[in-house]
N, C-alpha and C. Protein backbone atom coordinates (compact mmCIF):
# COMPACT_ATOMS: atom_id res chain seq x y z
N MET A 1 -56.39 -98.29 226.92
CA MET A 1 -56.20 -97.04 225.99
C MET A 1 -56.55 -97.48 224.57
N SER A 2 -57.42 -96.69 223.84
CA SER A 2 -57.77 -97.02 222.57
C SER A 2 -56.65 -96.73 221.45
N ASN A 3 -56.66 -97.26 220.25
CA ASN A 3 -55.86 -97.02 219.35
C ASN A 3 -55.65 -95.50 219.01
N PHE A 4 -56.82 -94.79 219.04
CA PHE A 4 -56.89 -93.35 218.83
C PHE A 4 -55.94 -92.63 219.81
N GLU A 5 -56.28 -93.07 221.08
CA GLU A 5 -55.57 -92.29 222.13
C GLU A 5 -54.03 -92.62 222.14
N SER A 6 -53.70 -93.90 221.69
CA SER A 6 -52.18 -94.19 221.58
C SER A 6 -51.63 -93.46 220.33
N ASP A 7 -52.34 -93.34 219.31
CA ASP A 7 -51.77 -92.60 218.18
C ASP A 7 -51.73 -91.16 218.40
N GLU A 8 -52.57 -90.64 219.16
CA GLU A 8 -52.56 -89.13 219.44
C GLU A 8 -51.32 -88.93 220.46
N SER A 9 -51.04 -89.82 221.43
CA SER A 9 -50.04 -89.63 222.33
C SER A 9 -48.69 -89.86 221.62
N ASP A 10 -48.64 -90.76 220.67
CA ASP A 10 -47.38 -91.02 219.91
C ASP A 10 -47.09 -89.63 219.12
N ASN A 11 -48.18 -89.07 218.45
CA ASN A 11 -48.09 -87.98 217.65
C ASN A 11 -47.59 -86.63 218.43
N SER A 12 -48.19 -86.62 219.71
CA SER A 12 -47.76 -85.50 220.59
C SER A 12 -46.35 -85.63 221.06
N ALA A 13 -45.94 -86.80 221.36
CA ALA A 13 -44.50 -87.09 221.76
C ALA A 13 -43.54 -86.80 220.52
N ALA A 14 -44.00 -87.13 219.46
CA ALA A 14 -43.28 -86.76 218.10
C ALA A 14 -43.21 -85.33 217.98
N MET A 15 -44.20 -84.65 218.17
CA MET A 15 -44.31 -83.17 217.91
C MET A 15 -43.36 -82.47 219.04
N GLU A 16 -43.46 -83.02 220.43
CA GLU A 16 -42.61 -82.33 221.31
C GLU A 16 -41.16 -82.51 221.00
N ALA A 17 -40.81 -83.74 220.51
CA ALA A 17 -39.42 -84.04 220.13
C ALA A 17 -38.90 -83.06 219.08
N ARG A 18 -39.79 -82.89 218.08
CA ARG A 18 -39.41 -81.93 216.92
C ARG A 18 -39.28 -80.50 217.49
N ILE A 19 -40.25 -80.07 218.46
CA ILE A 19 -40.01 -78.77 218.97
C ILE A 19 -38.64 -78.63 219.66
N ILE A 20 -38.23 -79.69 220.35
CA ILE A 20 -36.92 -79.66 221.04
C ILE A 20 -35.70 -79.50 220.04
N GLU A 21 -35.89 -80.23 218.98
CA GLU A 21 -34.82 -80.25 217.83
C GLU A 21 -34.72 -78.77 217.28
N LEU A 22 -35.96 -78.18 217.09
CA LEU A 22 -36.15 -76.87 216.40
C LEU A 22 -35.54 -75.80 217.38
N ARG A 23 -35.79 -76.09 218.68
CA ARG A 23 -35.25 -75.03 219.66
C ARG A 23 -33.77 -75.12 219.74
N GLU A 24 -33.28 -76.32 219.67
CA GLU A 24 -31.87 -76.44 219.66
C GLU A 24 -31.18 -75.71 218.41
N GLU A 25 -31.74 -76.02 217.30
CA GLU A 25 -31.22 -75.37 216.10
C GLU A 25 -31.27 -73.96 216.15
N HIS A 26 -32.55 -73.26 216.69
CA HIS A 26 -32.76 -72.02 216.91
C HIS A 26 -31.63 -71.29 217.81
N ARG A 27 -31.24 -72.10 218.92
CA ARG A 27 -30.34 -71.66 219.78
C ARG A 27 -28.91 -71.50 219.04
N ASP A 28 -28.64 -72.63 218.47
CA ASP A 28 -27.38 -72.74 217.77
C ASP A 28 -27.15 -71.55 216.73
N LEU A 29 -28.25 -71.43 215.98
CA LEU A 29 -28.28 -70.36 214.98
C LEU A 29 -28.07 -68.85 215.68
N ASP A 30 -28.69 -68.71 216.76
CA ASP A 30 -28.52 -67.49 217.45
C ASP A 30 -26.97 -67.35 217.87
N LEU A 31 -26.42 -68.40 218.31
CA LEU A 31 -24.90 -68.26 218.69
C LEU A 31 -24.21 -67.98 217.54
N ALA A 32 -24.39 -68.69 216.35
CA ALA A 32 -23.76 -68.43 215.17
C ALA A 32 -23.76 -67.03 214.57
N LEU A 33 -25.13 -66.55 214.69
CA LEU A 33 -25.27 -65.14 214.26
C LEU A 33 -24.58 -64.14 215.21
N ASN A 34 -24.52 -64.27 216.36
CA ASN A 34 -23.79 -63.46 217.26
C ASN A 34 -22.34 -63.43 216.87
N ALA A 35 -21.68 -64.66 216.67
CA ALA A 35 -20.30 -64.89 216.38
C ALA A 35 -20.06 -64.18 215.08
N LEU A 36 -20.93 -64.39 214.11
CA LEU A 36 -20.67 -63.80 212.82
C LEU A 36 -20.91 -62.31 212.84
N ALA A 37 -21.77 -61.64 213.52
CA ALA A 37 -22.03 -60.29 213.55
C ALA A 37 -20.80 -59.61 214.36
N ALA A 38 -20.06 -60.33 215.16
CA ALA A 38 -18.86 -59.79 216.04
C ALA A 38 -17.65 -59.63 215.02
N THR A 39 -17.69 -60.37 213.91
CA THR A 39 -16.44 -60.34 213.04
C THR A 39 -16.58 -59.03 212.22
N PRO A 40 -15.44 -58.22 212.06
CA PRO A 40 -15.40 -57.08 211.37
C PRO A 40 -15.85 -57.03 209.94
N LEU A 41 -15.57 -58.08 209.22
CA LEU A 41 -15.90 -58.25 207.84
C LEU A 41 -16.92 -59.32 207.59
N HIS A 42 -18.08 -59.21 208.20
CA HIS A 42 -19.00 -60.40 208.00
C HIS A 42 -19.74 -60.33 206.64
N ASP A 43 -20.20 -61.39 206.27
CA ASP A 43 -21.00 -61.58 205.04
C ASP A 43 -22.35 -61.16 205.22
N GLN A 44 -22.90 -60.04 204.75
CA GLN A 44 -24.22 -59.56 204.94
C GLN A 44 -25.23 -60.46 204.41
N LEU A 45 -25.02 -61.18 203.21
CA LEU A 45 -25.94 -62.05 202.66
C LEU A 45 -26.16 -63.28 203.57
N GLN A 46 -24.97 -63.77 204.04
CA GLN A 46 -25.06 -65.01 205.04
C GLN A 46 -25.70 -64.66 206.26
N LEU A 47 -25.51 -63.40 206.69
CA LEU A 47 -26.20 -62.90 207.96
C LEU A 47 -27.64 -62.89 207.70
N ARG A 48 -28.11 -62.35 206.63
CA ARG A 48 -29.61 -62.19 206.31
C ARG A 48 -30.18 -63.72 206.22
N ARG A 49 -29.47 -64.54 205.50
CA ARG A 49 -30.04 -65.98 205.38
C ARG A 49 -30.14 -66.58 206.73
N MET A 50 -29.08 -66.41 207.51
CA MET A 50 -29.30 -66.98 208.82
C MET A 50 -30.44 -66.35 209.77
N LYS A 51 -30.66 -65.11 209.55
CA LYS A 51 -31.74 -64.53 210.51
C LYS A 51 -33.02 -64.96 209.81
N LYS A 52 -33.08 -65.14 208.54
CA LYS A 52 -34.42 -65.65 207.97
C LYS A 52 -34.71 -67.04 208.36
N ARG A 53 -33.73 -67.76 208.38
CA ARG A 53 -33.80 -69.24 208.85
C ARG A 53 -34.19 -69.28 210.36
N LYS A 54 -33.64 -68.39 211.07
CA LYS A 54 -34.04 -68.30 212.44
C LYS A 54 -35.50 -67.84 212.72
N LEU A 55 -36.00 -67.05 211.98
CA LEU A 55 -37.36 -66.51 212.02
C LEU A 55 -38.27 -67.85 211.62
N LEU A 56 -37.87 -68.56 210.46
CA LEU A 56 -38.75 -69.65 210.13
C LEU A 56 -38.68 -70.74 211.19
N LEU A 57 -37.62 -70.89 211.90
CA LEU A 57 -37.72 -71.83 213.04
C LEU A 57 -38.52 -71.36 214.15
N LYS A 58 -38.55 -70.05 214.38
CA LYS A 58 -39.54 -69.54 215.51
C LYS A 58 -40.91 -69.80 215.09
N ASP A 59 -41.29 -69.58 213.79
CA ASP A 59 -42.64 -69.92 213.27
C ASP A 59 -42.94 -71.39 213.43
N GLN A 60 -42.10 -72.32 213.00
CA GLN A 60 -42.22 -73.65 213.12
C GLN A 60 -42.59 -74.11 214.57
N ILE A 61 -41.75 -73.63 215.46
CA ILE A 61 -41.97 -73.80 216.93
C ILE A 61 -43.21 -73.45 217.34
N SER A 62 -43.78 -72.14 217.00
CA SER A 62 -44.98 -71.68 217.53
C SER A 62 -46.11 -72.48 216.81
N PHE A 63 -45.96 -72.87 215.67
CA PHE A 63 -47.05 -73.72 214.96
C PHE A 63 -47.28 -74.97 215.67
N LEU A 64 -46.11 -75.75 215.97
CA LEU A 64 -46.22 -77.02 216.69
C LEU A 64 -46.76 -76.94 217.95
N GLU A 65 -46.29 -75.79 218.87
CA GLU A 65 -46.69 -75.67 220.13
C GLU A 65 -48.22 -75.26 220.18
N ALA A 66 -48.80 -74.66 219.06
CA ALA A 66 -50.19 -74.37 218.96
C ALA A 66 -50.97 -75.71 218.64
N GLN A 67 -50.31 -76.60 217.91
CA GLN A 67 -50.97 -77.83 217.81
C GLN A 67 -51.21 -78.62 219.03
N LEU A 68 -50.13 -78.58 219.77
CA LEU A 68 -50.13 -79.36 221.06
C LEU A 68 -51.23 -78.82 222.12
N THR A 69 -51.40 -77.53 222.14
CA THR A 69 -52.19 -76.77 223.06
C THR A 69 -53.74 -77.04 222.60
N PRO A 70 -54.52 -77.66 223.62
CA PRO A 70 -55.93 -77.96 223.19
C PRO A 70 -56.70 -76.66 223.10
N ASP A 71 -57.64 -76.57 222.20
CA ASP A 71 -58.55 -75.47 222.28
C ASP A 71 -59.37 -75.41 223.44
N ILE A 72 -59.47 -74.25 224.07
CA ILE A 72 -60.34 -74.05 225.09
C ILE A 72 -61.59 -73.25 224.72
N GLN A 73 -62.77 -73.86 225.06
CA GLN A 73 -64.00 -73.21 224.75
C GLN A 73 -64.34 -72.25 225.93
N ALA A 74 -64.71 -71.06 225.69
CA ALA A 74 -65.05 -70.14 226.84
C ALA A 74 -66.56 -70.34 227.20
């Protein structure tokens, strides 16, 4: 295996690990959002910030997944 292939493999593994971390944070944030929304007097600002963070995480996950997917020429 060449150095390039090794570096590419290491990079892919690091990206996959990061995707897992982001998915866990996304899931945890989803649970926290549901719990916060269920309380009668929840903080609307905090709720909006959490939703914004959740969308950012989703975008980061999508970006990293796209980087891992090879371009297929038709």
